[in-house]
N, C-alpha and C. Protein backbone atom coordinates (compact mmCIF):
# COMPACT_ATOMS: atom_id res chain seq x y z
N UNK A 1 79.82 118.75 -22.45
CA UNK A 1 80.11 119.26 -23.81
C UNK A 1 80.38 120.79 -23.76
N UNK A 2 79.64 121.46 -22.91
CA UNK A 2 79.90 122.92 -22.83
C UNK A 2 81.25 123.24 -22.27
N UNK A 3 81.73 122.46 -21.26
CA UNK A 3 82.98 122.71 -20.70
C UNK A 3 84.09 122.45 -21.76
N UNK A 4 83.94 121.36 -22.54
CA UNK A 4 84.93 121.02 -23.58
C UNK A 4 84.92 122.16 -24.61
N UNK A 5 83.83 122.70 -24.99
CA UNK A 5 83.71 123.81 -25.89
C UNK A 5 84.38 125.07 -25.35
N UNK A 6 84.17 125.38 -24.09
CA UNK A 6 84.76 126.50 -23.45
C UNK A 6 86.26 126.38 -23.37
N UNK A 7 86.71 125.12 -23.02
CA UNK A 7 88.18 124.87 -22.97
C UNK A 7 88.81 125.03 -24.34
N UNK A 8 88.17 124.51 -25.36
CA UNK A 8 88.63 124.65 -26.73
C UNK A 8 88.68 126.09 -27.10
N UNK A 9 87.64 126.80 -26.81
CA UNK A 9 87.58 128.29 -27.12
C UNK A 9 88.66 129.03 -26.44
N UNK A 10 88.95 128.71 -25.16
CA UNK A 10 89.94 129.45 -24.47
C UNK A 10 91.34 129.21 -25.03
N UNK A 11 91.62 127.98 -25.42
CA UNK A 11 92.93 127.69 -26.03
C UNK A 11 92.99 128.37 -27.42
N UNK A 12 91.91 128.34 -28.19
CA UNK A 12 91.89 129.01 -29.47
C UNK A 12 92.03 130.53 -29.33
N UNK A 13 91.35 131.09 -28.40
CA UNK A 13 91.51 132.55 -28.17
C UNK A 13 92.93 132.87 -27.83
N UNK A 14 93.49 132.13 -26.89
CA UNK A 14 94.91 132.43 -26.48
C UNK A 14 95.80 132.20 -27.65
N UNK A 15 95.64 131.14 -28.38
CA UNK A 15 96.47 130.88 -29.56
C UNK A 15 96.33 131.96 -30.58
N UNK A 16 95.13 132.54 -30.68
CA UNK A 16 94.88 133.58 -31.67
C UNK A 16 95.45 134.94 -31.28
N UNK A 17 95.83 135.10 -30.04
CA UNK A 17 96.39 136.38 -29.62
C UNK A 17 97.98 136.19 -29.76
N UNK A 18 98.43 136.25 -30.95
CA UNK A 18 99.79 136.04 -31.22
C UNK A 18 100.66 137.11 -30.62
N UNK A 19 101.79 136.62 -30.04
CA UNK A 19 102.79 137.45 -29.50
C UNK A 19 104.10 137.07 -30.15
N UNK A 20 105.17 137.73 -29.71
CA UNK A 20 106.49 137.43 -30.31
C UNK A 20 106.94 136.10 -29.99
N UNK A 21 106.52 135.48 -28.83
CA UNK A 21 106.97 134.12 -28.46
C UNK A 21 105.99 133.01 -28.76
N UNK A 22 104.94 133.28 -29.50
CA UNK A 22 103.91 132.26 -29.76
C UNK A 22 104.33 131.41 -30.97
N UNK A 23 104.14 130.11 -30.80
CA UNK A 23 104.43 129.17 -31.92
C UNK A 23 103.79 127.82 -31.63
N UNK A 24 103.78 127.00 -32.65
CA UNK A 24 103.24 125.61 -32.47
C UNK A 24 104.29 124.66 -33.02
N UNK A 25 104.35 123.47 -32.38
CA UNK A 25 105.28 122.40 -32.83
C UNK A 25 104.39 121.13 -32.99
N UNK A 26 104.45 120.54 -34.15
CA UNK A 26 103.69 119.30 -34.38
C UNK A 26 104.35 118.14 -33.71
N UNK A 27 103.56 117.40 -32.89
CA UNK A 27 103.99 116.17 -32.33
C UNK A 27 103.69 115.02 -33.30
N UNK A 28 102.49 115.09 -33.87
CA UNK A 28 102.09 114.23 -34.97
C UNK A 28 101.03 114.94 -35.71
N UNK A 29 100.24 114.26 -36.54
CA UNK A 29 99.21 114.92 -37.33
C UNK A 29 98.00 115.37 -36.59
N UNK A 30 97.88 114.97 -35.29
CA UNK A 30 96.71 115.41 -34.45
C UNK A 30 97.09 116.28 -33.30
N UNK A 31 98.30 116.18 -32.78
CA UNK A 31 98.72 116.80 -31.52
C UNK A 31 99.87 117.78 -31.72
N UNK A 32 99.81 118.84 -30.90
CA UNK A 32 100.86 119.90 -30.99
C UNK A 32 101.20 120.37 -29.54
N UNK A 33 102.41 120.92 -29.55
CA UNK A 33 102.82 121.72 -28.37
C UNK A 33 102.60 123.16 -28.81
N UNK A 34 101.91 123.92 -27.95
CA UNK A 34 101.64 125.30 -28.31
C UNK A 34 102.25 126.21 -27.25
N UNK A 35 103.14 127.14 -27.69
CA UNK A 35 103.68 128.14 -26.82
C UNK A 35 102.80 129.35 -26.93
N UNK A 36 102.09 129.68 -25.92
CA UNK A 36 101.22 130.82 -25.93
C UNK A 36 101.97 132.11 -25.57
N UNK A 37 102.91 131.99 -24.71
CA UNK A 37 103.87 133.05 -24.46
C UNK A 37 105.14 132.37 -23.98
N UNK A 38 106.11 133.09 -23.46
CA UNK A 38 107.39 132.51 -23.12
C UNK A 38 107.30 131.52 -21.94
N UNK A 39 106.21 131.62 -21.19
CA UNK A 39 106.08 130.73 -20.03
C UNK A 39 105.00 129.71 -20.13
N UNK A 40 104.05 129.79 -20.97
CA UNK A 40 102.94 128.85 -21.13
C UNK A 40 103.09 127.92 -22.32
N UNK A 41 103.32 126.66 -22.01
CA UNK A 41 103.44 125.64 -23.08
C UNK A 41 102.44 124.58 -22.83
N UNK A 42 101.56 124.37 -23.77
CA UNK A 42 100.42 123.44 -23.63
C UNK A 42 100.55 122.32 -24.67
N UNK A 43 100.01 121.17 -24.25
CA UNK A 43 99.89 120.04 -25.18
C UNK A 43 98.46 119.96 -25.61
N UNK A 44 98.17 120.14 -26.86
CA UNK A 44 96.83 120.28 -27.37
C UNK A 44 96.52 119.27 -28.52
N UNK A 45 95.25 118.98 -28.67
CA UNK A 45 94.74 118.28 -29.82
C UNK A 45 94.24 119.36 -30.75
N UNK A 46 94.67 119.22 -32.03
CA UNK A 46 94.24 120.23 -33.05
C UNK A 46 93.24 119.50 -33.96
N UNK A 47 92.11 120.16 -34.19
CA UNK A 47 91.08 119.59 -34.99
C UNK A 47 91.13 120.18 -36.42
N UNK A 48 90.59 119.46 -37.42
CA UNK A 48 90.64 119.94 -38.79
C UNK A 48 90.12 121.35 -39.01
N UNK A 49 89.15 121.81 -38.18
CA UNK A 49 88.60 123.14 -38.32
C UNK A 49 89.49 124.22 -37.69
N UNK A 50 90.64 123.80 -37.09
CA UNK A 50 91.50 124.71 -36.45
C UNK A 50 91.31 124.89 -34.97
N UNK A 51 90.23 124.35 -34.42
CA UNK A 51 90.02 124.42 -32.98
C UNK A 51 91.04 123.58 -32.25
N UNK A 52 91.35 123.96 -31.00
CA UNK A 52 92.29 123.20 -30.23
C UNK A 52 91.68 122.87 -28.82
N UNK A 53 92.12 121.78 -28.25
CA UNK A 53 91.60 121.38 -26.92
C UNK A 53 92.84 120.90 -26.15
N UNK A 54 92.99 121.54 -24.95
CA UNK A 54 94.12 121.16 -24.10
C UNK A 54 93.95 119.69 -23.63
N UNK A 55 94.96 118.84 -23.76
CA UNK A 55 94.87 117.42 -23.49
C UNK A 55 95.00 117.13 -21.99
N UNK A 56 95.87 117.76 -21.29
CA UNK A 56 96.07 117.49 -19.89
C UNK A 56 95.04 118.30 -19.08
N UNK A 57 94.26 117.52 -18.34
CA UNK A 57 93.14 118.12 -17.59
C UNK A 57 93.01 117.40 -16.20
N UNK A 58 92.57 118.17 -15.23
CA UNK A 58 92.29 117.57 -13.93
C UNK A 58 90.83 117.84 -13.63
N UNK A 59 90.08 116.81 -13.27
CA UNK A 59 88.67 116.97 -12.96
C UNK A 59 88.54 117.35 -11.46
N UNK A 60 87.86 118.43 -11.22
CA UNK A 60 87.65 118.96 -9.85
C UNK A 60 86.23 118.89 -9.47
N UNK A 61 86.02 118.42 -8.31
CA UNK A 61 84.59 118.30 -7.81
C UNK A 61 84.46 119.26 -6.57
N UNK A 62 83.37 120.00 -6.54
CA UNK A 62 83.12 120.86 -5.42
C UNK A 62 81.60 120.95 -5.20
N UNK A 63 81.10 121.78 -4.29
CA UNK A 63 79.71 121.84 -4.00
C UNK A 63 78.85 122.28 -5.25
N UNK A 64 79.48 122.92 -6.19
CA UNK A 64 78.79 123.37 -7.39
C UNK A 64 78.75 122.37 -8.49
N UNK A 65 79.51 121.26 -8.35
CA UNK A 65 79.53 120.25 -9.39
C UNK A 65 80.98 119.94 -9.81
N UNK A 66 81.04 119.37 -11.04
CA UNK A 66 82.35 118.92 -11.53
C UNK A 66 82.81 119.91 -12.61
N UNK A 67 84.09 120.23 -12.52
CA UNK A 67 84.69 121.14 -13.56
C UNK A 67 86.01 120.51 -13.98
N UNK A 68 86.48 120.88 -15.16
CA UNK A 68 87.73 120.46 -15.67
C UNK A 68 88.71 121.63 -15.62
N UNK A 69 89.88 121.43 -15.07
CA UNK A 69 90.90 122.47 -15.04
C UNK A 69 92.01 121.97 -16.07
N UNK A 70 92.25 122.79 -17.06
CA UNK A 70 93.29 122.47 -18.03
C UNK A 70 94.66 122.73 -17.42
N UNK A 71 95.57 121.91 -17.81
CA UNK A 71 96.97 122.05 -17.25
C UNK A 71 97.89 122.39 -18.40
N UNK A 72 98.60 123.53 -18.22
CA UNK A 72 99.61 123.91 -19.16
C UNK A 72 100.96 123.91 -18.42
N UNK A 73 101.74 124.90 -18.66
CA UNK A 73 102.99 125.09 -17.94
C UNK A 73 103.91 123.90 -18.04
N UNK A 74 104.03 123.32 -19.17
CA UNK A 74 104.92 122.16 -19.40
C UNK A 74 106.38 122.66 -19.26
N UNK A 75 107.15 122.09 -18.38
CA UNK A 75 108.49 122.50 -18.17
C UNK A 75 109.56 121.51 -18.64
N UNK A 76 109.08 120.28 -18.81
CA UNK A 76 109.92 119.18 -19.34
C UNK A 76 109.10 118.20 -20.09
N UNK A 77 109.65 117.62 -21.18
CA UNK A 77 108.89 116.62 -21.98
C UNK A 77 109.88 115.90 -22.93
N UNK A 78 109.28 114.88 -23.50
CA UNK A 78 109.87 114.10 -24.61
C UNK A 78 108.80 113.33 -25.25
N UNK A 79 109.01 112.95 -26.54
CA UNK A 79 108.07 112.15 -27.23
C UNK A 79 108.73 111.32 -28.30
N UNK A 80 108.01 110.31 -28.74
CA UNK A 80 108.33 109.45 -29.89
C UNK A 80 107.06 109.23 -30.59
N UNK A 81 107.01 108.19 -31.48
CA UNK A 81 105.79 107.91 -32.26
C UNK A 81 104.67 107.34 -31.37
N UNK A 82 104.97 106.79 -30.20
CA UNK A 82 103.97 106.13 -29.40
C UNK A 82 103.56 106.95 -28.14
N UNK A 83 104.48 107.54 -27.48
CA UNK A 83 104.20 108.26 -26.21
C UNK A 83 104.75 109.68 -26.20
N UNK A 84 104.08 110.49 -25.40
CA UNK A 84 104.57 111.79 -25.00
C UNK A 84 104.57 111.82 -23.48
N UNK A 85 105.72 112.18 -22.89
CA UNK A 85 105.77 112.30 -21.45
C UNK A 85 106.00 113.78 -21.13
N UNK A 86 105.49 114.23 -19.99
CA UNK A 86 105.67 115.66 -19.67
C UNK A 86 105.63 115.84 -18.14
N UNK A 87 106.18 116.97 -17.73
CA UNK A 87 106.14 117.51 -16.38
C UNK A 87 105.60 118.85 -16.48
N UNK A 88 104.57 119.17 -15.68
CA UNK A 88 104.05 120.48 -15.61
C UNK A 88 104.22 121.06 -14.20
N UNK A 89 104.28 122.35 -14.07
CA UNK A 89 104.36 123.01 -12.76
C UNK A 89 103.47 124.23 -12.72
N UNK A 90 102.93 124.51 -11.60
CA UNK A 90 102.13 125.70 -11.42
C UNK A 90 103.02 126.93 -11.48
N UNK A 91 102.44 128.08 -11.78
CA UNK A 91 103.20 129.30 -11.83
C UNK A 91 102.87 130.20 -10.64
N UNK A 92 103.78 131.08 -10.39
CA UNK A 92 103.58 132.04 -9.27
C UNK A 92 103.97 133.42 -9.88
N UNK A 93 103.10 134.42 -9.63
CA UNK A 93 103.44 135.73 -10.05
C UNK A 93 104.37 136.37 -9.02
N UNK A 94 105.52 136.86 -9.52
CA UNK A 94 106.48 137.55 -8.66
C UNK A 94 106.85 138.81 -9.38
N UNK A 95 106.15 139.92 -8.92
CA UNK A 95 106.35 141.21 -9.62
C UNK A 95 105.85 141.05 -11.07
N UNK A 96 106.71 141.32 -12.05
CA UNK A 96 106.38 141.23 -13.46
C UNK A 96 106.74 139.83 -14.01
N UNK A 97 107.34 138.99 -13.16
CA UNK A 97 107.78 137.68 -13.63
C UNK A 97 106.84 136.56 -13.16
N UNK A 98 106.79 135.53 -13.97
CA UNK A 98 105.99 134.37 -13.57
C UNK A 98 107.00 133.23 -13.43
N UNK A 99 107.02 132.68 -12.27
CA UNK A 99 107.96 131.57 -12.00
C UNK A 99 107.21 130.24 -11.94
N UNK A 100 107.81 129.18 -12.53
CA UNK A 100 107.26 127.85 -12.49
C UNK A 100 108.05 127.07 -11.41
N UNK A 101 107.41 126.58 -10.44
CA UNK A 101 108.15 125.80 -9.46
C UNK A 101 107.27 125.20 -8.39
N UNK A 102 105.98 125.26 -8.57
CA UNK A 102 105.05 124.69 -7.57
C UNK A 102 104.28 123.49 -8.18
N UNK A 103 103.97 122.58 -7.28
CA UNK A 103 103.07 121.45 -7.61
C UNK A 103 103.44 120.72 -8.92
N UNK A 104 104.65 120.07 -8.88
CA UNK A 104 105.01 119.31 -10.12
C UNK A 104 104.02 118.17 -10.32
N UNK A 105 103.61 117.99 -11.58
CA UNK A 105 102.73 116.97 -12.03
C UNK A 105 103.30 116.27 -13.26
N UNK A 106 103.21 114.95 -13.27
CA UNK A 106 103.78 114.16 -14.36
C UNK A 106 102.68 113.52 -15.15
N UNK A 107 102.84 113.47 -16.48
CA UNK A 107 101.91 112.98 -17.42
C UNK A 107 102.51 112.01 -18.43
N UNK A 108 101.67 111.08 -18.83
CA UNK A 108 102.05 110.21 -20.00
C UNK A 108 100.88 110.23 -20.91
N UNK A 109 101.12 110.40 -22.20
CA UNK A 109 100.04 110.36 -23.18
C UNK A 109 100.40 109.35 -24.26
N UNK A 110 99.48 108.41 -24.38
CA UNK A 110 99.57 107.35 -25.40
C UNK A 110 99.08 107.89 -26.72
N UNK A 111 100.02 108.20 -27.65
CA UNK A 111 99.61 108.82 -28.92
C UNK A 111 98.84 107.89 -29.83
N UNK A 112 99.08 106.57 -29.72
CA UNK A 112 98.36 105.61 -30.55
C UNK A 112 96.96 105.47 -30.14
N UNK A 113 96.73 105.29 -28.80
CA UNK A 113 95.42 105.05 -28.25
C UNK A 113 94.69 106.36 -27.78
N UNK A 114 95.46 107.49 -27.91
CA UNK A 114 94.92 108.84 -27.58
C UNK A 114 94.36 108.84 -26.15
N UNK A 115 95.21 108.35 -25.18
CA UNK A 115 94.82 108.24 -23.78
C UNK A 115 95.82 108.94 -22.90
N UNK A 116 95.25 109.75 -22.01
CA UNK A 116 96.16 110.49 -21.05
C UNK A 116 96.23 109.78 -19.71
N UNK A 117 97.42 109.72 -19.11
CA UNK A 117 97.57 109.20 -17.77
C UNK A 117 98.17 110.28 -16.91
N UNK A 118 97.48 110.66 -15.83
CA UNK A 118 97.99 111.69 -14.98
C UNK A 118 96.90 112.54 -14.48
N UNK A 119 97.20 113.47 -13.61
CA UNK A 119 98.52 113.78 -13.12
C UNK A 119 99.02 112.69 -12.09
N UNK A 120 100.32 112.51 -12.09
CA UNK A 120 101.00 111.58 -11.19
C UNK A 120 102.09 112.31 -10.42
N UNK A 121 102.45 111.76 -9.30
CA UNK A 121 103.68 112.21 -8.69
C UNK A 121 104.91 111.50 -9.38
N UNK A 122 106.06 111.86 -9.00
CA UNK A 122 107.24 111.35 -9.66
C UNK A 122 107.42 109.83 -9.43
N UNK A 123 107.08 109.30 -8.25
CA UNK A 123 107.20 107.82 -8.03
C UNK A 123 106.24 107.08 -8.89
N UNK A 124 104.99 107.55 -8.98
CA UNK A 124 103.99 106.82 -9.82
C UNK A 124 104.34 106.92 -11.28
N UNK A 125 104.90 108.09 -11.72
CA UNK A 125 105.25 108.33 -13.09
C UNK A 125 106.37 107.38 -13.47
N UNK A 126 107.43 107.26 -12.62
CA UNK A 126 108.56 106.39 -12.89
C UNK A 126 108.11 104.97 -12.93
N UNK A 127 107.28 104.54 -12.03
CA UNK A 127 106.74 103.17 -11.99
C UNK A 127 105.96 102.88 -13.30
N UNK A 128 105.07 103.77 -13.68
CA UNK A 128 104.20 103.59 -14.82
C UNK A 128 105.08 103.51 -16.09
N UNK A 129 106.02 104.37 -16.23
CA UNK A 129 106.98 104.25 -17.39
C UNK A 129 107.62 102.95 -17.48
N UNK A 130 108.06 102.43 -16.40
CA UNK A 130 108.78 101.12 -16.34
C UNK A 130 107.81 100.02 -16.72
N UNK A 131 106.57 100.08 -16.20
CA UNK A 131 105.57 99.03 -16.51
C UNK A 131 105.24 99.06 -18.00
N UNK A 132 105.16 100.18 -18.59
CA UNK A 132 104.78 100.32 -20.02
C UNK A 132 106.01 100.13 -20.93
N UNK A 133 107.22 100.07 -20.36
CA UNK A 133 108.40 99.94 -21.19
C UNK A 133 108.72 101.25 -21.99
N UNK A 134 108.39 102.38 -21.39
CA UNK A 134 108.64 103.66 -22.06
C UNK A 134 110.05 104.10 -21.78
N UNK A 135 110.82 104.27 -22.83
CA UNK A 135 112.27 104.52 -22.76
C UNK A 135 112.61 106.01 -22.94
N UNK A 136 111.64 106.88 -22.76
CA UNK A 136 111.80 108.36 -22.84
C UNK A 136 112.29 108.91 -21.55
N UNK A 137 113.05 109.98 -21.63
CA UNK A 137 113.47 110.72 -20.40
C UNK A 137 113.02 112.14 -20.55
N UNK A 138 112.56 112.70 -19.43
CA UNK A 138 112.17 114.15 -19.46
C UNK A 138 113.35 115.05 -19.71
N UNK A 139 113.22 115.91 -20.63
CA UNK A 139 114.27 116.93 -20.96
C UNK A 139 113.64 118.31 -20.69
N UNK A 140 114.45 119.28 -20.25
CA UNK A 140 113.96 120.61 -20.07
C UNK A 140 113.32 121.08 -21.40
N UNK A 141 112.23 121.81 -21.23
CA UNK A 141 111.36 122.20 -22.39
C UNK A 141 112.22 122.77 -23.54
N UNK A 142 112.99 123.78 -23.32
CA UNK A 142 113.72 124.48 -24.41
C UNK A 142 114.76 123.50 -25.06
N UNK A 143 115.35 122.64 -24.22
CA UNK A 143 116.36 121.70 -24.82
C UNK A 143 115.63 120.71 -25.72
N UNK A 144 114.43 120.24 -25.42
CA UNK A 144 113.71 119.29 -26.22
C UNK A 144 113.17 119.89 -27.52
N UNK A 145 112.57 121.07 -27.38
CA UNK A 145 111.95 121.68 -28.58
C UNK A 145 112.89 122.41 -29.51
N UNK A 146 114.09 122.61 -29.06
CA UNK A 146 114.98 123.40 -29.90
C UNK A 146 115.26 122.74 -31.26
N UNK A 147 115.18 121.45 -31.36
CA UNK A 147 115.45 120.72 -32.64
C UNK A 147 114.16 120.51 -33.47
N UNK A 148 113.07 121.05 -33.04
CA UNK A 148 111.76 120.89 -33.72
C UNK A 148 111.44 122.09 -34.58
N UNK A 149 110.75 121.86 -35.68
CA UNK A 149 110.26 122.95 -36.57
C UNK A 149 109.11 123.66 -35.88
N UNK A 150 109.19 124.98 -35.83
CA UNK A 150 108.12 125.74 -35.24
C UNK A 150 107.37 126.49 -36.32
N UNK A 151 105.99 126.58 -36.13
CA UNK A 151 105.22 127.36 -37.05
C UNK A 151 104.65 128.56 -36.24
N UNK A 152 104.69 129.74 -36.90
CA UNK A 152 104.23 130.94 -36.24
C UNK A 152 103.00 131.43 -37.06
N UNK A 153 101.89 131.63 -36.30
CA UNK A 153 100.67 132.10 -36.97
C UNK A 153 100.40 133.52 -36.55
């Protein structure tokens, strides 16, 4: 519970630090794409009280116990009423620039059942999409969101 609260708090704090490139796009009445800056795009659940929780997470186990690492950096996605599909990549600091191009991870989120599948590699992602009959194709982030209404807080 504490980790979930900390994750929600970190997303809320980041979302609260508005910058010129910060915005939110509604996927449906519960979920949003949040652009925290020009490079960080997260898929979050938004709660009635305004709190947010990053949806894509990886559970990590080490000698100190289990932790959840939230995944942002969405570089490609698409969605309809039933599913959201996404590709995320790790970033690398190069001077003053952050480049996305490491460790591609693929995700499928069932919007009706509120269930996340992933991270997957490309082969598993393609197979899972076919098994579920998902007819969405990954589009580069900017291309997909350019037709969506953005809200700026």
